[in-house]
Amino acid sequence: MNHLVLQAQLAELGLVRYTPAGVMALDCSLKHESQVQEAGKPRKVAMELKAVVIGEMGKRLQSLGVGGEALFTGFLTTQRNGRGVIFHITGLEQCSSGLA
């Protein structure tokens, strides 16, 4: 199963573009910082992840705005050039508090 859930901040928001089928697509970058447990020890984690949203969900992402925090759900796939991964956002739930 390929399913990712990530609480993150919208770090960058690209320009609206359209797929060949005429569907809205919006590239963005997400920033995540937290502390997790690994091998029984606390570990600080920080990362940025390239993401894309297709369709009407793009309007929700735009309304979140840069700096907005949300719980993002979706799946991972390779980028078109085959280098690295990209997170396809299929859902988001806006957070009212800071990042966990």
N, C-alpha and C. Protein backbone atom coordinates (compact mmCIF):
# COMPACT_ATOMS: atom_id res chain seq x y z
N MET A 1 0.85 -1.18 0.00
CA MET A 1 0.00 0.00 0.00
C MET A 1 0.89 1.23 0.00
N ASN A 2 0.54 2.22 -0.78
CA ASN A 2 1.28 3.47 -0.89
C ASN A 2 0.37 4.58 -0.39
N HIS A 3 0.50 4.93 0.89
CA HIS A 3 -0.36 5.95 1.51
C HIS A 3 0.49 6.73 2.50
N LEU A 4 0.55 8.05 2.32
CA LEU A 4 1.34 8.90 3.20
C LEU A 4 0.44 9.89 3.91
N VAL A 5 0.65 10.05 5.20
CA VAL A 5 -0.03 11.06 6.00
C VAL A 5 1.08 11.88 6.63
N LEU A 6 1.05 13.21 6.42
CA LEU A 6 2.12 14.07 6.88
C LEU A 6 1.56 15.39 7.37
N GLN A 7 1.87 15.74 8.62
CA GLN A 7 1.53 17.06 9.13
C GLN A 7 2.67 17.97 8.73
N ALA A 8 2.36 19.03 7.99
CA ALA A 8 3.41 19.88 7.44
C ALA A 8 2.90 21.30 7.22
N GLN A 9 3.85 22.15 6.88
CA GLN A 9 3.57 23.55 6.58
C GLN A 9 3.78 23.74 5.07
N LEU A 10 2.91 24.50 4.44
CA LEU A 10 3.07 24.81 3.02
C LEU A 10 4.20 25.82 2.89
N ALA A 11 5.34 25.38 2.34
CA ALA A 11 6.53 26.23 2.25
C ALA A 11 6.55 27.07 0.98
N GLU A 12 6.13 26.48 -0.14
CA GLU A 12 6.10 27.18 -1.43
C GLU A 12 4.87 26.75 -2.20
N LEU A 13 4.38 27.66 -3.01
CA LEU A 13 3.22 27.39 -3.84
C LEU A 13 3.52 27.87 -5.25
N GLY A 14 3.48 26.95 -6.22
CA GLY A 14 3.79 27.31 -7.60
C GLY A 14 2.60 27.94 -8.30
N LEU A 15 2.78 28.21 -9.58
CA LEU A 15 1.71 28.77 -10.40
C LEU A 15 0.77 27.67 -10.85
N VAL A 16 -0.48 28.04 -11.04
CA VAL A 16 -1.47 27.08 -11.54
C VAL A 16 -1.11 26.71 -12.98
N ARG A 17 -1.17 25.43 -13.26
CA ARG A 17 -0.99 24.94 -14.62
C ARG A 17 -2.10 23.95 -14.90
N TYR A 18 -2.18 23.50 -16.12
CA TYR A 18 -3.24 22.56 -16.49
C TYR A 18 -2.65 21.36 -17.21
N THR A 19 -3.19 20.19 -16.90
CA THR A 19 -2.76 18.96 -17.56
C THR A 19 -3.25 18.98 -19.01
N PRO A 20 -2.74 18.08 -19.87
CA PRO A 20 -3.25 18.01 -21.25
C PRO A 20 -4.76 17.78 -21.31
N ALA A 21 -5.32 17.19 -20.26
CA ALA A 21 -6.77 16.95 -20.21
C ALA A 21 -7.54 18.17 -19.69
N GLY A 22 -6.81 19.25 -19.37
CA GLY A 22 -7.46 20.48 -18.91
C GLY A 22 -7.75 20.52 -17.43
N VAL A 23 -7.14 19.64 -16.65
CA VAL A 23 -7.36 19.59 -15.20
C VAL A 23 -6.30 20.45 -14.50
N MET A 24 -6.73 21.23 -13.52
CA MET A 24 -5.83 22.09 -12.77
C MET A 24 -4.77 21.26 -12.04
N ALA A 25 -3.51 21.74 -12.07
CA ALA A 25 -2.41 21.11 -11.33
C ALA A 25 -1.61 22.22 -10.66
N LEU A 26 -1.17 21.96 -9.46
CA LEU A 26 -0.46 22.96 -8.67
C LEU A 26 0.70 22.30 -7.95
N ASP A 27 1.93 22.73 -8.26
CA ASP A 27 3.12 22.23 -7.59
C ASP A 27 3.34 23.02 -6.31
N CYS A 28 3.90 22.36 -5.31
CA CYS A 28 4.19 23.04 -4.05
C CYS A 28 5.33 22.32 -3.34
N SER A 29 5.73 22.88 -2.23
CA SER A 29 6.75 22.30 -1.38
C SER A 29 6.22 22.31 0.05
N LEU A 30 6.39 21.20 0.75
CA LEU A 30 5.94 21.08 2.14
C LEU A 30 7.14 20.98 3.05
N LYS A 31 7.03 21.57 4.23
CA LYS A 31 8.10 21.55 5.24
C LYS A 31 7.56 20.87 6.50
N HIS A 32 8.32 19.90 6.99
CA HIS A 32 7.92 19.17 8.20
C HIS A 32 9.06 19.19 9.21
N GLU A 33 8.72 19.44 10.47
CA GLU A 33 9.67 19.36 11.58
C GLU A 33 8.96 18.70 12.75
N SER A 34 9.63 17.72 13.37
CA SER A 34 9.05 17.06 14.53
C SER A 34 10.13 16.31 15.29
N GLN A 35 9.71 15.69 16.37
CA GLN A 35 10.58 14.80 17.12
C GLN A 35 9.91 13.44 17.17
N VAL A 36 10.67 12.40 16.83
CA VAL A 36 10.15 11.04 16.81
C VAL A 36 11.02 10.15 17.68
N GLN A 37 10.55 8.94 17.92
CA GLN A 37 11.33 7.95 18.66
C GLN A 37 11.94 6.99 17.65
N GLU A 38 13.24 6.74 17.78
CA GLU A 38 13.91 5.76 16.93
C GLU A 38 14.87 4.97 17.82
N ALA A 39 14.70 3.66 17.84
CA ALA A 39 15.51 2.76 18.67
C ALA A 39 15.48 3.21 20.13
N GLY A 40 14.30 3.68 20.57
CA GLY A 40 14.13 4.08 21.96
C GLY A 40 14.71 5.44 22.31
N LYS A 41 15.20 6.17 21.35
CA LYS A 41 15.82 7.48 21.59
C LYS A 41 15.06 8.55 20.80
N PRO A 42 14.95 9.77 21.37
CA PRO A 42 14.31 10.85 20.62
C PRO A 42 15.21 11.33 19.48
N ARG A 43 14.59 11.68 18.36
CA ARG A 43 15.33 12.17 17.21
C ARG A 43 14.56 13.32 16.57
N LYS A 44 15.25 14.42 16.32
CA LYS A 44 14.63 15.54 15.62
C LYS A 44 14.66 15.26 14.12
N VAL A 45 13.54 15.52 13.48
CA VAL A 45 13.39 15.27 12.05
C VAL A 45 12.97 16.57 11.37
N ALA A 46 13.64 16.91 10.28
CA ALA A 46 13.26 18.08 9.48
C ALA A 46 13.45 17.72 8.02
N MET A 47 12.48 18.11 7.20
CA MET A 47 12.57 17.79 5.77
C MET A 47 11.68 18.71 4.96
N GLU A 48 12.02 18.83 3.68
CA GLU A 48 11.14 19.47 2.71
C GLU A 48 10.84 18.44 1.64
N LEU A 49 9.62 18.47 1.15
CA LEU A 49 9.16 17.46 0.20
C LEU A 49 8.41 18.16 -0.94
N LYS A 50 8.78 17.84 -2.17
CA LYS A 50 8.06 18.37 -3.33
C LYS A 50 6.72 17.65 -3.41
N ALA A 51 5.69 18.41 -3.77
CA ALA A 51 4.35 17.84 -3.84
C ALA A 51 3.58 18.45 -5.00
N VAL A 52 2.49 17.79 -5.36
CA VAL A 52 1.60 18.29 -6.40
C VAL A 52 0.17 17.94 -6.01
N VAL A 53 -0.75 18.80 -6.40
CA VAL A 53 -2.17 18.53 -6.19
C VAL A 53 -2.86 18.72 -7.54
N ILE A 54 -3.76 17.81 -7.85
CA ILE A 54 -4.46 17.80 -9.13
C ILE A 54 -5.95 18.01 -8.87
N GLY A 55 -6.58 18.86 -9.69
CA GLY A 55 -8.02 19.04 -9.61
C GLY A 55 -8.45 20.06 -8.57
N GLU A 56 -9.69 19.91 -8.12
CA GLU A 56 -10.31 20.88 -7.21
C GLU A 56 -9.58 21.04 -5.88
N MET A 57 -8.81 20.03 -5.48
CA MET A 57 -8.04 20.12 -4.24
C MET A 57 -7.05 21.29 -4.31
N GLY A 58 -6.67 21.68 -5.52
CA GLY A 58 -5.76 22.82 -5.70
C GLY A 58 -6.31 24.10 -5.11
N LYS A 59 -7.61 24.31 -5.22
CA LYS A 59 -8.23 25.52 -4.65
C LYS A 59 -8.12 25.50 -3.13
N ARG A 60 -8.27 24.33 -2.54
CA ARG A 60 -8.13 24.22 -1.07
C ARG A 60 -6.71 24.52 -0.64
N LEU A 61 -5.73 24.05 -1.45
CA LEU A 61 -4.33 24.31 -1.14
C LEU A 61 -4.04 25.80 -1.26
N GLN A 62 -4.56 26.45 -2.29
CA GLN A 62 -4.36 27.89 -2.45
C GLN A 62 -4.95 28.65 -1.27
N SER A 63 -6.12 28.25 -0.79
CA SER A 63 -6.74 28.95 0.33
C SER A 63 -5.98 28.72 1.63
N LEU A 64 -5.25 27.62 1.73
CA LEU A 64 -4.40 27.38 2.90
C LEU A 64 -3.31 28.44 2.97
N GLY A 65 -2.71 28.74 1.83
CA GLY A 65 -1.69 29.78 1.74
C GLY A 65 -0.33 29.34 2.27
N VAL A 66 0.72 30.00 1.75
CA VAL A 66 2.08 29.72 2.21
C VAL A 66 2.17 29.99 3.70
N GLY A 67 2.78 29.06 4.42
CA GLY A 67 2.88 29.16 5.88
C GLY A 67 1.76 28.43 6.60
N GLY A 68 0.70 28.08 5.89
CA GLY A 68 -0.42 27.36 6.49
C GLY A 68 -0.03 25.93 6.83
N GLU A 69 -0.60 25.42 7.90
CA GLU A 69 -0.30 24.06 8.36
C GLU A 69 -1.51 23.17 8.15
N ALA A 70 -1.23 21.93 7.74
CA ALA A 70 -2.32 20.99 7.49
C ALA A 70 -1.82 19.56 7.66
N LEU A 71 -2.77 18.66 7.76
CA LEU A 71 -2.51 17.23 7.73
C LEU A 71 -2.79 16.81 6.29
N PHE A 72 -1.73 16.48 5.55
CA PHE A 72 -1.82 16.13 4.14
C PHE A 72 -1.86 14.62 4.00
N THR A 73 -2.71 14.12 3.11
CA THR A 73 -2.75 12.70 2.79
C THR A 73 -2.57 12.53 1.29
N GLY A 74 -2.03 11.39 0.88
CA GLY A 74 -1.84 11.12 -0.52
C GLY A 74 -0.92 9.94 -0.74
N PHE A 75 -0.17 9.98 -1.84
CA PHE A 75 0.71 8.87 -2.19
C PHE A 75 2.00 9.40 -2.80
N LEU A 76 3.02 8.57 -2.82
CA LEU A 76 4.32 8.92 -3.38
C LEU A 76 4.52 8.26 -4.73
N THR A 77 5.20 8.97 -5.62
CA THR A 77 5.59 8.41 -6.91
C THR A 77 6.89 9.08 -7.35
N THR A 78 7.52 8.56 -8.39
CA THR A 78 8.74 9.19 -8.88
C THR A 78 8.39 10.42 -9.70
N GLN A 79 9.34 11.35 -9.74
CA GLN A 79 9.15 12.53 -10.58
C GLN A 79 9.24 12.12 -12.03
N ARG A 80 8.79 12.98 -12.91
CA ARG A 80 8.78 12.66 -14.35
C ARG A 80 10.17 12.30 -14.88
N ASN A 81 11.20 12.97 -14.35
CA ASN A 81 12.56 12.69 -14.82
C ASN A 81 13.15 11.43 -14.16
N GLY A 82 12.38 10.80 -13.26
CA GLY A 82 12.82 9.57 -12.63
C GLY A 82 13.75 9.77 -11.45
N ARG A 83 14.05 11.02 -11.11
CA ARG A 83 14.95 11.31 -9.98
C ARG A 83 14.16 11.89 -8.83
N GLY A 84 14.21 11.23 -7.71
CA GLY A 84 13.51 11.72 -6.52
C GLY A 84 12.05 11.30 -6.52
N VAL A 85 11.39 11.68 -5.44
CA VAL A 85 9.97 11.35 -5.28
C VAL A 85 9.15 12.62 -5.22
N ILE A 86 7.88 12.47 -5.50
CA ILE A 86 6.93 13.57 -5.37
C ILE A 86 5.69 13.04 -4.66
N PHE A 87 5.17 13.86 -3.77
CA PHE A 87 4.00 13.53 -2.97
C PHE A 87 2.77 14.07 -3.69
N HIS A 88 1.87 13.18 -4.11
CA HIS A 88 0.61 13.59 -4.72
C HIS A 88 -0.42 13.74 -3.61
N ILE A 89 -0.83 14.97 -3.35
CA ILE A 89 -1.77 15.27 -2.28
C ILE A 89 -3.19 14.98 -2.76
N THR A 90 -3.90 14.14 -2.02
CA THR A 90 -5.28 13.82 -2.35
C THR A 90 -6.26 14.31 -1.28
N GLY A 91 -5.74 14.76 -0.14
CA GLY A 91 -6.59 15.28 0.92
C GLY A 91 -5.79 16.18 1.84
N LEU A 92 -6.48 17.14 2.46
CA LEU A 92 -5.84 17.97 3.47
C LEU A 92 -6.85 18.42 4.49
N GLU A 93 -6.38 18.47 5.71
CA GLU A 93 -7.20 18.91 6.84
C GLU A 93 -6.39 19.99 7.55
N GLN A 94 -6.92 21.20 7.56
CA GLN A 94 -6.18 22.33 8.12
C GLN A 94 -5.98 22.16 9.62
N CYS A 95 -4.77 22.50 10.09
CA CYS A 95 -4.42 22.41 11.52
C CYS A 95 -4.59 23.78 12.16
N SER A 96 -5.01 23.78 13.42
CA SER A 96 -5.15 25.05 14.13
C SER A 96 -3.99 25.30 15.07
N SER A 97 -3.15 24.30 15.30
CA SER A 97 -2.01 24.47 16.21
C SER A 97 -0.72 24.27 15.46
N GLY A 98 0.42 24.41 16.14
CA GLY A 98 1.74 24.26 15.55
C GLY A 98 2.02 22.83 15.13
N LEU A 99 3.13 22.66 14.44
CA LEU A 99 3.52 21.34 13.99
C LEU A 99 3.87 20.44 15.15
N ALA A 100 3.54 19.18 15.02
CA ALA A 100 3.85 18.21 16.08
C ALA A 100 5.25 17.70 15.94
